[in-house]
C-alpha atoms as a PDB file:
ATOM      1  CA  UNK A   1     178.939 117.494 125.028  1.00  0.00           C
ATOM      2  CA  UNK A   2     179.109 113.927 123.834  1.00  0.00           C
ATOM      3  CA  UNK A   3     176.039 112.292 122.475  1.00  0.00           C
ATOM      4  CA  UNK A   4     175.911 108.514 122.619  1.00  0.00           C
ATOM      5  CA  UNK A   5     174.517 106.798 119.554  1.00  0.00           C
ATOM      6  CA  UNK A   6     172.319 103.769 120.244  1.00  0.00           C
ATOM      7  CA  UNK A   7     171.767 100.893 117.918  1.00  0.00           C
ATOM      8  CA  UNK A   8     168.027 101.038 116.985  1.00  0.00           C
ATOM      9  CA  UNK A   9     166.074  98.300 118.646  1.00  0.00           C
ATOM     10  CA  UNK A  10     165.305  96.585 115.380  1.00  0.00           C
ATOM     11  CA  UNK A  11     169.056  96.332 114.516  1.00  0.00           C
ATOM     12  CA  UNK A  12     169.969  95.298 118.029  1.00  0.00           C
ATOM     13  CA  UNK A  13     167.437  92.556 118.009  1.00  0.00           C
ATOM     14  CA  UNK A  14     168.836  91.144 114.747  1.00  0.00           C
ATOM     15  CA  UNK A  15     172.433  91.292 116.134  1.00  0.00           C
ATOM     16  CA  UNK A  16     171.368  89.528 119.305  1.00  0.00           C
ATOM     17  CA  UNK A  17     169.337  86.873 117.402  1.00  0.00           C
ATOM     18  CA  UNK A  18     172.229  86.305 114.906  1.00  0.00           C
ATOM     19  CA  UNK A  19     174.745  85.775 117.664  1.00  0.00           C
ATOM     20  CA  UNK A  20     172.544  83.398 119.786  1.00  0.00           C
ATOM     21  CA  UNK A  21     171.305  81.534 116.674  1.00  0.00           C
ATOM     22  CA  UNK A  22     174.882  80.956 115.626  1.00  0.00           C
ATOM     23  CA  UNK A  23     175.799  79.743 119.122  1.00  0.00           C
ATOM     24  CA  UNK A  24     172.886  77.329 119.139  1.00  0.00           C
ATOM     25  CA  UNK A  25     173.907  75.838 115.775  1.00  0.00           C
ATOM     26  CA  UNK A  26     177.559  75.636 116.373  1.00  0.00           C
ATOM     27  CA  UNK A  27     177.307  74.167 119.804  1.00  0.00           C
ATOM     28  CA  UNK A  28     174.381  71.715 119.135  1.00  0.00           C
ATOM     29  CA  UNK A  29     175.564  70.470 115.693  1.00  0.00           C
ATOM     30  CA  UNK A  30     178.737  68.969 117.330  1.00  0.00           C
ATOM     31  CA  UNK A  31     176.957  65.613 117.851  1.00  0.00           C
ATOM     32  CA  UNK A  32     175.903  65.445 114.107  1.00  0.00           C
ATOM     33  CA  UNK A  33     177.747  63.385 111.526  1.00  0.00           C
ATOM     34  CA  UNK A  34     180.674  65.357 109.910  1.00  0.00           C
ATOM     35  CA  UNK A  35     179.034  66.009 106.555  1.00  0.00           C
ATOM     36  CA  UNK A  36     175.721  67.166 108.170  1.00  0.00           C
ATOM     37  CA  UNK A  37     177.575  69.414 110.514  1.00  0.00           C
ATOM     38  CA  UNK A  38     179.542  71.063 107.689  1.00  0.00           C
ATOM     39  CA  UNK A  39     176.332  71.771 105.762  1.00  0.00           C
ATOM     40  CA  UNK A  40     174.712  73.275 108.931  1.00  0.00           C
ATOM     41  CA  UNK A  41     177.830  75.420 109.624  1.00  0.00           C
ATOM     42  CA  UNK A  42     178.095  76.658 106.063  1.00  0.00           C
ATOM     43  CA  UNK A  43     174.369  77.554 106.059  1.00  0.00           C
ATOM     44  CA  UNK A  44     174.748  79.430 109.366  1.00  0.00           C
ATOM     45  CA  UNK A  45     177.690  81.292 108.005  1.00  0.00           C
ATOM     46  CA  UNK A  46     175.833  82.371 104.876  1.00  0.00           C
ATOM     47  CA  UNK A  47     172.823  83.356 106.960  1.00  0.00           C
ATOM     48  CA  UNK A  48     175.071  85.520 109.242  1.00  0.00           C
ATOM     49  CA  UNK A  49     176.520  87.182 106.113  1.00  0.00           C
ATOM     50  CA  UNK A  50     172.978  87.904 104.874  1.00  0.00           C
ATOM     51  CA  UNK A  51     171.979  89.340 108.298  1.00  0.00           C
ATOM     52  CA  UNK A  52     174.991  91.673 108.278  1.00  0.00           C
ATOM     53  CA  UNK A  53     174.458  92.671 104.713  1.00  0.00           C
ATOM     54  CA  UNK A  54     170.836  93.559 105.408  1.00  0.00           C
ATOM     55  CA  UNK A  55     171.720  95.393 108.665  1.00  0.00           C
ATOM     56  CA  UNK A  56     174.187  97.580 106.785  1.00  0.00           C
ATOM     57  CA  UNK A  57     171.545  98.474 104.270  1.00  0.00           C
ATOM     58  CA  UNK A  58     168.669  98.889 106.734  1.00  0.00           C
ATOM     59  CA  UNK A  59     167.886 102.542 107.096  1.00  0.00           C
ATOM     60  CA  UNK A  60     168.064 103.587 110.767  1.00  0.00           C
ATOM     61  CA  UNK A  61     164.785 104.490 112.275  1.00  0.00           C
ATOM     62  CA  UNK A  62     165.007 107.378 114.484  1.00  0.00           C
ATOM     63  CA  UNK A  63     165.018 106.153 117.943  1.00  0.00           C
ATOM     64  CA  UNK A  64     163.745 108.751 120.411  1.00  0.00           C
ATOM     65  CA  UNK A  65     165.861 109.262 123.502  1.00  0.00           C
ATOM     66  CA  UNK A  66     162.720 108.659 125.489  1.00  0.00           C
ATOM     67  CA  UNK A  67     162.360 105.045 124.275  1.00  0.00           C
ATOM     68  CA  UNK A  68     163.543 102.614 126.866  1.00  0.00           C
ATOM     69  CA  UNK A  69     162.798  99.139 125.758  1.00  0.00           C
ATOM     70  CA  UNK A  70     164.875  97.695 128.636  1.00  0.00           C
ATOM     71  CA  UNK A  71     162.581  98.841 131.453  1.00  0.00           C
ATOM     72  CA  UNK A  72     161.232  97.008 134.405  1.00  0.00           C
ATOM     73  CA  UNK A  73     159.150  94.475 132.511  1.00  0.00           C
ATOM     74  CA  UNK A  74     162.305  93.435 130.491  1.00  0.00           C
ATOM     75  CA  UNK A  75     164.298  92.866 133.538  1.00  0.00           C
ATOM     76  CA  UNK A  76     161.595  90.850 135.242  1.00  0.00           C
ATOM     77  CA  UNK A  77     161.440  88.561 132.175  1.00  0.00           C
ATOM     78  CA  UNK A  78     165.265  88.254 132.126  1.00  0.00           C
ATOM     79  CA  UNK A  79     165.401  87.509 135.782  1.00  0.00           C
ATOM     80  CA  UNK A  80     162.753  84.788 135.552  1.00  0.00           C
ATOM     81  CA  UNK A  81     164.567  83.328 132.568  1.00  0.00           C
ATOM     82  CA  UNK A  82     167.970  83.115 134.427  1.00  0.00           C
ATOM     83  CA  UNK A  83     166.383  81.363 137.360  1.00  0.00           C
ATOM     84  CA  UNK A  84     164.333  78.923 135.132  1.00  0.00           C
ATOM     85  CA  UNK A  85     167.466  78.157 133.040  1.00  0.00           C
ATOM     86  CA  UNK A  86     169.821  77.273 135.810  1.00  0.00           C
ATOM     87  CA  UNK A  87     167.283  75.600 138.040  1.00  0.00           C
ATOM     88  CA  UNK A  88     165.718  73.559 135.283  1.00  0.00           C
ATOM     89  CA  UNK A  89     169.055  72.361 133.759  1.00  0.00           C
ATOM     90  CA  UNK A  90     170.330  71.288 137.213  1.00  0.00           C
ATOM     91  CA  UNK A  91     167.126  69.342 137.900  1.00  0.00           C
ATOM     92  CA  UNK A  92     167.110  67.765 134.500  1.00  0.00           C
ATOM     93  CA  UNK A  93     170.776  66.749 134.607  1.00  0.00           C
ATOM     94  CA  UNK A  94     170.709  65.823 138.276  1.00  0.00           C
ATOM     95  CA  UNK A  95     167.725  64.158 139.866  1.00  0.00           C
ATOM     96  CA  UNK A  96     166.047  63.466 136.457  1.00  0.00           C
ATOM     97  CA  UNK A  97     169.321  62.093 134.975  1.00  0.00           C
ATOM     98  CA  UNK A  98     168.632  63.298 131.495  1.00  0.00           C
ATOM     99  CA  UNK A  99     171.534  65.738 130.807  1.00  0.00           C
ATOM    100  CA  UNK A 100     170.950  65.416 127.039  1.00  0.00           C
ATOM    101  CA  UNK A 101     167.539  67.254 127.620  1.00  0.00           C
ATOM    102  CA  UNK A 102     169.303  70.410 128.785  1.00  0.00           C
ATOM    103  CA  UNK A 103     169.260  72.098 125.382  1.00  0.00           C
ATOM    104  CA  UNK A 104     165.581  71.261 125.074  1.00  0.00           C
ATOM    105  CA  UNK A 105     164.876  72.990 128.388  1.00  0.00           C
ATOM    106  CA  UNK A 106     166.999  75.950 127.216  1.00  0.00           C
ATOM    107  CA  UNK A 107     164.856  76.129 124.083  1.00  0.00           C
ATOM    108  CA  UNK A 108     161.605  76.059 126.138  1.00  0.00           C
ATOM    109  CA  UNK A 109     162.781  78.853 128.503  1.00  0.00           C
ATOM    110  CA  UNK A 110     164.080  81.069 125.651  1.00  0.00           C
ATOM    111  CA  UNK A 111     160.818  80.525 123.778  1.00  0.00           C
ATOM    112  CA  UNK A 112     158.761  81.584 126.777  1.00  0.00           C
ATOM    113  CA  UNK A 113     161.186  84.583 127.145  1.00  0.00           C
ATOM    114  CA  UNK A 114     160.238  85.644 123.599  1.00  0.00           C
ATOM    115  CA  UNK A 115     156.503  85.058 124.166  1.00  0.00           C
ATOM    116  CA  UNK A 116     156.694  87.302 127.153  1.00  0.00           C
ATOM    117  CA  UNK A 117     158.726  89.977 125.382  1.00  0.00           C
ATOM    118  CA  UNK A 118     156.527  89.729 122.375  1.00  0.00           C
ATOM    119  CA  UNK A 119     153.462  90.482 124.497  1.00  0.00           C
ATOM    120  CA  UNK A 120     155.205  93.116 126.559  1.00  0.00           C
ATOM    121  CA  UNK A 121     156.587  95.010 123.432  1.00  0.00           C
ATOM    122  CA  UNK A 122     153.641  94.015 121.076  1.00  0.00           C
ATOM    123  CA  UNK A 123     156.081  92.553 118.554  1.00  0.00           C
ATOM    124  CA  UNK A 124     154.472  89.830 116.440  1.00  0.00           C
ATOM    125  CA  UNK A 125     157.805  88.440 115.191  1.00  0.00           C
ATOM    126  CA  UNK A 126     158.799  87.704 118.825  1.00  0.00           C
ATOM    127  CA  UNK A 127     155.451  85.926 119.472  1.00  0.00           C
ATOM    128  CA  UNK A 128     156.081  83.683 116.419  1.00  0.00           C
ATOM    129  CA  UNK A 129     159.604  83.027 117.395  1.00  0.00           C
ATOM    130  CA  UNK A 130     158.721  82.270 120.952  1.00  0.00           C
ATOM    131  CA  UNK A 131     156.027  79.837 119.893  1.00  0.00           C
ATOM    132  CA  UNK A 132     158.330  78.015 117.530  1.00  0.00           C
ATOM    133  CA  UNK A 133     161.168  77.833 120.142  1.00  0.00           C
ATOM    134  CA  UNK A 134     158.900  76.588 122.847  1.00  0.00           C
ATOM    135  CA  UNK A 135     157.519  73.946 120.542  1.00  0.00           C
ATOM    136  CA  UNK A 136     161.119  72.738 119.522  1.00  0.00           C
ATOM    137  CA  UNK A 137     162.047  72.624 123.177  1.00  0.00           C
ATOM    138  CA  UNK A 138     159.006  70.489 124.116  1.00  0.00           C
ATOM    139  CA  UNK A 139     159.610  68.160 121.208  1.00  0.00           C
ATOM    140  CA  UNK A 140     163.198  67.849 122.370  1.00  0.00           C
ATOM    141  CA  UNK A 141     162.051  67.151 125.918  1.00  0.00           C
ATOM    142  CA  UNK A 142     159.761  64.414 124.644  1.00  0.00           C
ATOM    143  CA  UNK A 143     162.540  62.895 122.533  1.00  0.00           C
ATOM    144  CA  UNK A 144     165.077  62.956 125.461  1.00  0.00           C
ATOM    145  CA  UNK A 145     162.785  61.418 127.947  1.00  0.00           C
ATOM    146  CA  UNK A 146     161.443  58.949 125.412  1.00  0.00           C
ATOM    147  CA  UNK A 147     164.986  57.610 124.979  1.00  0.00           C
ATOM    148  CA  UNK A 148     166.041  59.146 121.678  1.00  0.00           C
ATOM    149  CA  UNK A 149     169.721  59.585 121.033  1.00  0.00           C
ATOM    150  CA  UNK A 150     171.177  62.842 122.182  1.00  0.00           C
ATOM    151  CA  UNK A 151     171.902  63.889 118.477  1.00  0.00           C
ATOM    152  CA  UNK A 152     168.222  64.069 117.849  1.00  0.00           C
ATOM    153  CA  UNK A 153     167.577  66.296 120.751  1.00  0.00           C
ATOM    154  CA  UNK A 154     170.471  68.470 119.736  1.00  0.00           C
ATOM    155  CA  UNK A 155     169.287  68.678 116.178  1.00  0.00           C
ATOM    156  CA  UNK A 156     165.593  69.425 116.971  1.00  0.00           C
ATOM    157  CA  UNK A 157     165.957  71.624 120.010  1.00  0.00           C
ATOM    158  CA  UNK A 158     169.452  73.146 119.488  1.00  0.00           C
ATOM    159  CA  UNK A 159     170.053  73.368 115.827  1.00  0.00           C
ATOM    160  CA  UNK A 160     166.296  73.906 115.106  1.00  0.00           C
ATOM    161  CA  UNK A 161     166.163  76.797 117.674  1.00  0.00           C
ATOM    162  CA  UNK A 162     169.345  78.241 116.205  1.00  0.00           C
ATOM    163  CA  UNK A 163     167.802  78.177 112.755  1.00  0.00           C
ATOM    164  CA  UNK A 164     164.647  79.897 114.027  1.00  0.00           C
ATOM    165  CA  UNK A 165     166.656  82.624 115.740  1.00  0.00           C
ATOM    166  CA  UNK A 166     168.738  83.268 112.580  1.00  0.00           C
ATOM    167  CA  UNK A 167     165.609  83.334 110.448  1.00  0.00           C
ATOM    168  CA  UNK A 168     164.004  85.836 112.860  1.00  0.00           C
ATOM    169  CA  UNK A 169     167.206  87.861 112.902  1.00  0.00           C
ATOM    170  CA  UNK A 170     167.201  87.985 109.117  1.00  0.00           C
ATOM    171  CA  UNK A 171     163.568  88.857 108.955  1.00  0.00           C
ATOM    172  CA  UNK A 172     164.060  91.601 111.460  1.00  0.00           C
ATOM    173  CA  UNK A 173     167.009  93.084 109.429  1.00  0.00           C
ATOM    174  CA  UNK A 174     165.039  93.292 106.191  1.00  0.00           C
ATOM    175  CA  UNK A 175     162.971  96.410 105.481  1.00  0.00           C
ATOM    176  CA  UNK A 176     159.946  94.047 105.193  1.00  0.00           C
ATOM    177  CA  UNK A 177     160.683  92.789 108.666  1.00  0.00           C
ATOM    178  CA  UNK A 178     159.129  95.877 110.131  1.00  0.00           C
ATOM    179  CA  UNK A 179     155.784  94.572 109.010  1.00  0.00           C
ATOM    180  CA  UNK A 180     156.274  91.657 111.309  1.00  0.00           C
ATOM    181  CA  UNK A 181     156.662  93.925 114.323  1.00  0.00           C
END
């Protein structure tokens, strides 16, 4: 009989946050001046190393086989997120003619995703992360529709969101991160 080992939810959340945070920073720092981008990428790499180091040392909480965090509520949130992401980006880039605002819309939708999951799972860290991401996305939308350069939208909504995701991933990977849940 083979038993499948599952990554405990806290560790899985930090891995997911670290990956998506890195993607946000790498993709959205591309419009930044070279020196600034280098600093952002180095800071991201150092944060990822810190997350991995913390995850390796984090004791594994026993995850009961009955725990199913990815139940019906989770899939409803994810389905709504996918629809909102694709529909919103198409409308923003198409009829509204502000493709530079796409990353801001993504930040809003991902933020609302974390607000919903934070409420569903009663995880304070997700509520804080969701509020921050939503705010950065709304600021980015205001910048884009107000005529700001795309670089500023990328920095605020893209890099800023990536930094928040990385910070939450690190917080969740630290033993003290449990207090935030």
